[in-house]
């Protein structure tokens, strides 16, 4: 094993994360005090404000008081749930960017994280392999990131549990949802499919009703989780 090369890559990853967090307001919520200590030592003095908590209730209190730009959270908290913290934090401040690290890799947890509107989802063991850098870049840039292995894990579980009958979406509705999942807005979808924007809205409204979704993001998540549409991050516009 090339330990020198590994350490060099690790150092580069840390430097890149530190540069991206320069001047940002950040709160770290983790049930492991070691994680908090490491992050405090590495990036604490580079942020406009840095706060930390080990439990869900304290983290929510800090989020309400400080209104940071970024929440870095692990799951589980002690006591509490990192996924539930994201859900409650987003209700307080929809503009908050949330990056979640999962200690346990399971399809139900990944699905719950998606439904909680996490902006980035990584596995705890993947942090040292560049995923944290990619996730931080995407989340702070207003995008979304899911570690590829977690995405594949979820897709496999969805295919195994998929109802053959499905929710009865039409081919057009599935095509529109596929483009929604890829990040396209209604005018772009209309242009690609040679439809009017109003027709695209009509297809989406019908898909929402069949899926029981409350909006386009919820519908996109449900479509991916049910294996109805594919999701390729390298195809995002």
Protein backbone atom coordinates (compact mmCIF):
# COMPACT_ATOMS: atom_id res chain seq x y z
CA UNK A 1 0.00 0.00 0.00
CA UNK A 2 1.28 3.47 -0.90
CA UNK A 3 0.87 5.04 2.54
CA UNK A 4 2.66 8.21 1.46
CA UNK A 5 0.25 8.76 -1.42
CA UNK A 6 -2.74 8.02 0.81
CA UNK A 7 -1.62 10.53 3.44
CA UNK A 8 -0.99 13.13 0.75
CA UNK A 9 -4.50 12.65 -0.66
CA UNK A 10 -5.95 12.89 2.85
CA UNK A 11 -4.10 16.14 3.48
CA UNK A 12 -5.28 17.55 0.15
CA UNK A 13 -8.87 16.58 0.98
CA UNK A 14 -8.68 18.34 4.34
CA UNK A 15 -7.22 21.47 2.76
CA UNK A 16 -9.96 21.56 0.12
CA UNK A 17 -12.74 21.20 2.70
CA UNK A 18 -11.16 23.91 4.87
CA UNK A 19 -10.97 26.28 1.91
CA UNK A 20 -14.63 25.70 1.01
CA UNK A 21 -15.74 26.39 4.59
CA UNK A 22 -13.76 29.61 4.90
CA UNK A 23 -16.05 32.31 6.29
CA UNK A 24 -19.11 30.03 6.46
CA UNK A 25 -21.34 29.67 9.51
CA UNK A 26 -21.46 26.04 10.56
CA UNK A 27 -22.94 23.80 13.24
CA UNK A 28 -21.74 20.24 13.82
CA UNK A 29 -24.06 17.72 15.47
CA UNK A 30 -22.56 14.34 16.26
CA UNK A 31 -23.07 11.69 18.90
CA UNK A 32 -19.31 11.10 18.85
CA UNK A 33 -17.29 13.70 20.69
CA UNK A 34 -14.18 12.69 18.74
CA UNK A 35 -15.81 13.87 15.49
CA UNK A 36 -16.65 17.22 17.07
CA UNK A 37 -13.13 17.59 18.48
CA UNK A 38 -11.50 16.81 15.14
CA UNK A 39 -13.70 19.23 13.20
CA UNK A 40 -13.30 21.93 15.82
CA UNK A 41 -9.54 21.62 15.60
CA UNK A 42 -9.44 21.58 11.81
CA UNK A 43 -12.06 24.11 10.71
CA UNK A 44 -13.44 25.84 13.78
CA UNK A 45 -11.34 28.99 13.47
CA UNK A 46 -12.07 29.34 9.76
CA UNK A 47 -15.83 29.76 10.14
CA UNK A 48 -17.75 32.91 10.98
CA UNK A 49 -19.35 30.96 13.79
CA UNK A 50 -18.89 27.40 14.93
CA UNK A 51 -21.20 25.50 17.27
CA UNK A 52 -21.51 21.86 18.22
CA UNK A 53 -23.88 19.48 19.97
CA UNK A 54 -24.03 15.77 20.70
CA UNK A 55 -27.82 15.47 21.08
CA UNK A 56 -30.76 16.36 18.87
CA UNK A 57 -32.43 18.81 21.27
CA UNK A 58 -29.29 20.90 21.86
CA UNK A 59 -28.50 20.98 18.14
CA UNK A 60 -32.02 22.19 17.36
CA UNK A 61 -31.67 24.91 19.99
CA UNK A 62 -28.39 26.09 18.43
CA UNK A 63 -29.89 26.03 14.94
CA UNK A 64 -32.83 28.14 16.07
CA UNK A 65 -30.57 30.68 17.81
CA UNK A 66 -27.74 30.98 15.29
CA UNK A 67 -29.30 30.34 11.85
CA UNK A 68 -26.11 28.91 10.29
CA UNK A 69 -25.54 28.29 6.58
CA UNK A 70 -24.51 24.66 6.97
CA UNK A 71 -25.38 21.77 9.27
CA UNK A 72 -22.90 18.90 9.39
CA UNK A 73 -24.62 16.01 11.18
CA UNK A 74 -23.97 12.35 11.88
CA UNK A 75 -26.57 9.67 12.52
CA UNK A 76 -27.31 8.57 15.17
CA UNK A 77 -27.01 11.32 17.76
CA UNK A 78 -26.77 10.54 21.46
CA UNK A 79 -29.57 10.88 22.23
CA UNK A 80 -31.56 11.54 19.10
CA UNK A 81 -31.65 11.05 15.35
CA UNK A 82 -29.51 12.90 12.83
CA UNK A 83 -32.13 12.27 10.15
CA UNK A 84 -34.91 13.70 12.31
CA UNK A 85 -32.71 16.67 13.18
CA UNK A 86 -32.38 17.47 9.48
CA UNK A 87 -36.14 17.20 9.02
CA UNK A 88 -36.82 19.58 11.92
CA UNK A 89 -34.00 21.94 10.94
CA UNK A 90 -35.33 22.24 7.38
CA UNK A 91 -38.76 23.10 8.79
CA UNK A 92 -37.14 25.94 10.76
CA UNK A 93 -34.98 27.17 7.89
CA UNK A 94 -35.63 25.74 4.39
CA UNK A 95 -32.48 27.46 3.07
CA UNK A 96 -30.20 25.60 5.50
CA UNK A 97 -27.80 23.23 3.73
CA UNK A 98 -27.50 19.84 5.46
CA UNK A 99 -24.76 17.24 5.04
CA UNK A 100 -25.43 13.88 6.71
CA UNK A 101 -22.98 11.10 7.59
CA UNK A 102 -24.53 7.69 8.24
CA UNK A 103 -22.80 5.28 10.62
CA UNK A 104 -25.13 2.51 9.43
CA UNK A 105 -25.64 1.80 5.73
CA UNK A 106 -29.18 0.55 5.18
CA UNK A 107 -31.82 1.29 2.53
CA UNK A 108 -34.44 2.45 5.08
CA UNK A 109 -32.01 5.00 6.53
CA UNK A 110 -30.97 6.28 3.11
CA UNK A 111 -34.63 6.58 2.10
CA UNK A 112 -35.43 8.43 5.33
CA UNK A 113 -32.52 10.81 4.72
CA UNK A 114 -33.83 11.59 1.23
CA UNK A 115 -37.34 12.18 2.51
CA UNK A 116 -35.92 14.50 5.20
CA UNK A 117 -34.47 16.64 2.36
CA UNK A 118 -30.79 16.11 3.16
CA UNK A 119 -28.62 17.95 0.64
CA UNK A 120 -25.73 15.52 0.95
CA UNK A 121 -25.59 11.92 2.19
CA UNK A 122 -22.35 10.00 2.82
CA UNK A 123 -21.38 6.83 4.61
CA UNK A 124 -19.19 7.31 7.65
CA UNK A 125 -16.53 4.94 6.30
CA UNK A 126 -16.31 6.85 3.00
CA UNK A 127 -15.18 10.19 4.42
CA UNK A 128 -11.50 9.47 3.87
CA UNK A 129 -11.91 8.67 0.18
CA UNK A 130 -12.88 12.04 -1.22
CA UNK A 131 -16.65 11.73 -0.78
CA UNK A 132 -16.72 14.42 1.89
CA UNK A 133 -14.94 16.82 -0.47
CA UNK A 134 -17.37 16.09 -3.31
CA UNK A 135 -20.37 16.30 -0.98
CA UNK A 136 -19.25 19.59 0.59
CA UNK A 137 -18.62 21.12 -2.83
CA UNK A 138 -22.05 20.05 -4.11
CA UNK A 139 -23.96 21.07 -0.98
CA UNK A 140 -22.35 24.51 -0.66
CA UNK A 141 -22.85 25.03 -4.39
CA UNK A 142 -26.60 24.55 -4.03
CA UNK A 143 -26.64 21.01 -5.43
CA UNK A 144 -27.19 17.51 -4.10
CA UNK A 145 -24.77 14.67 -3.43
CA UNK A 146 -25.21 11.02 -2.54
CA UNK A 147 -22.27 8.68 -2.23
CA UNK A 148 -22.47 6.26 -5.21
CA UNK A 149 -22.40 3.13 -3.03
CA UNK A 150 -25.36 4.39 -1.00
CA UNK A 151 -27.23 5.22 -4.21
CA UNK A 152 -26.58 1.70 -5.54
CA UNK A 153 -27.63 0.15 -2.22
CA UNK A 154 -30.93 2.02 -2.34
CA UNK A 155 -31.55 1.20 -6.00
CA UNK A 156 -30.97 -2.52 -5.37
CA UNK A 157 -33.42 -2.53 -2.46
CA UNK A 158 -36.00 -0.66 -4.54
CA UNK A 159 -35.77 -3.14 -7.39
CA UNK A 160 -36.17 -6.06 -4.97
CA UNK A 161 -39.28 -4.61 -3.32
CA UNK A 162 -40.89 -2.94 -6.32
CA UNK A 163 -44.58 -3.60 -6.86
CA UNK A 164 -44.90 -5.01 -10.41
CA UNK A 165 -48.19 -3.16 -10.83
CA UNK A 166 -46.65 0.15 -9.77
CA UNK A 167 -48.67 3.35 -9.31
CA UNK A 168 -49.89 3.28 -12.92
CA UNK A 169 -47.82 6.16 -14.30
CA UNK A 170 -48.00 6.73 -18.04
CA UNK A 171 -44.91 6.66 -20.25
CA UNK A 172 -45.06 10.46 -20.58
CA UNK A 173 -45.35 10.93 -16.82
CA UNK A 174 -42.35 8.68 -16.25
CA UNK A 175 -40.34 10.58 -18.86
CA UNK A 176 -41.16 13.90 -17.19
CA UNK A 177 -40.24 12.51 -13.77
CA UNK A 178 -36.95 11.19 -15.13
CA UNK A 179 -36.04 14.72 -16.21
CA UNK A 180 -37.17 16.17 -12.88
CA UNK A 181 -34.86 13.72 -11.11
CA UNK A 182 -32.01 14.87 -13.36
CA UNK A 183 -32.58 18.44 -12.20
CA UNK A 184 -34.41 19.97 -15.17
CA UNK A 185 -37.02 22.68 -14.63
CA UNK A 186 -40.39 22.74 -16.42
CA UNK A 187 -39.33 25.02 -19.34
CA UNK A 188 -36.28 22.81 -20.00
CA UNK A 189 -38.42 19.66 -19.84
CA UNK A 190 -40.92 21.20 -22.24
CA UNK A 191 -38.14 22.05 -24.69
CA UNK A 192 -36.56 18.58 -24.54
CA UNK A 193 -39.91 16.79 -24.94
CA UNK A 194 -41.33 19.25 -27.49
CA UNK A 195 -44.30 20.00 -25.26
CA UNK A 196 -45.82 23.14 -23.82
CA UNK A 197 -44.94 24.10 -20.25
CA UNK A 198 -48.62 23.73 -19.35
CA UNK A 199 -48.63 20.13 -20.63
CA UNK A 200 -45.55 19.37 -18.53
CA UNK A 201 -47.33 20.80 -15.48
CA UNK A 202 -50.34 18.61 -16.27
CA UNK A 203 -48.19 15.46 -16.45
CA UNK A 204 -46.53 16.37 -13.16
CA UNK A 205 -49.84 17.04 -11.43
CA UNK A 206 -51.13 13.64 -12.55
CA UNK A 207 -47.91 11.95 -11.38
CA UNK A 208 -48.15 13.67 -7.99
CA UNK A 209 -51.68 12.35 -7.51
CA UNK A 210 -50.77 8.78 -8.49
CA UNK A 211 -47.68 8.75 -6.26
CA UNK A 212 -49.35 10.55 -3.37
CA UNK A 213 -46.59 13.18 -3.54
CA UNK A 214 -46.81 16.71 -2.17
CA UNK A 215 -44.57 18.32 -4.81
CA UNK A 216 -41.89 17.80 -7.44
CA UNK A 217 -39.04 17.02 -5.00
CA UNK A 218 -41.19 14.57 -3.06
CA UNK A 219 -42.33 12.95 -6.31
CA UNK A 220 -38.75 12.67 -7.57
CA UNK A 221 -37.62 11.01 -4.34
CA UNK A 222 -40.56 8.60 -4.40
CA UNK A 223 -39.94 7.72 -8.05
CA UNK A 224 -36.28 6.93 -7.34
CA UNK A 225 -37.07 5.00 -4.15
CA UNK A 226 -39.66 2.89 -5.95
CA UNK A 227 -37.30 2.18 -8.82
CA UNK A 228 -39.62 3.84 -11.34
CA UNK A 229 -36.92 6.05 -12.86
CA UNK A 230 -33.15 5.87 -13.04
CA UNK A 231 -30.86 8.40 -11.42
CA UNK A 232 -27.49 9.24 -12.96
CA UNK A 233 -25.64 12.07 -11.25
CA UNK A 234 -23.30 12.51 -14.20
CA UNK A 235 -26.26 13.52 -16.40
CA UNK A 236 -27.25 16.54 -14.34
CA UNK A 237 -27.54 19.72 -16.44
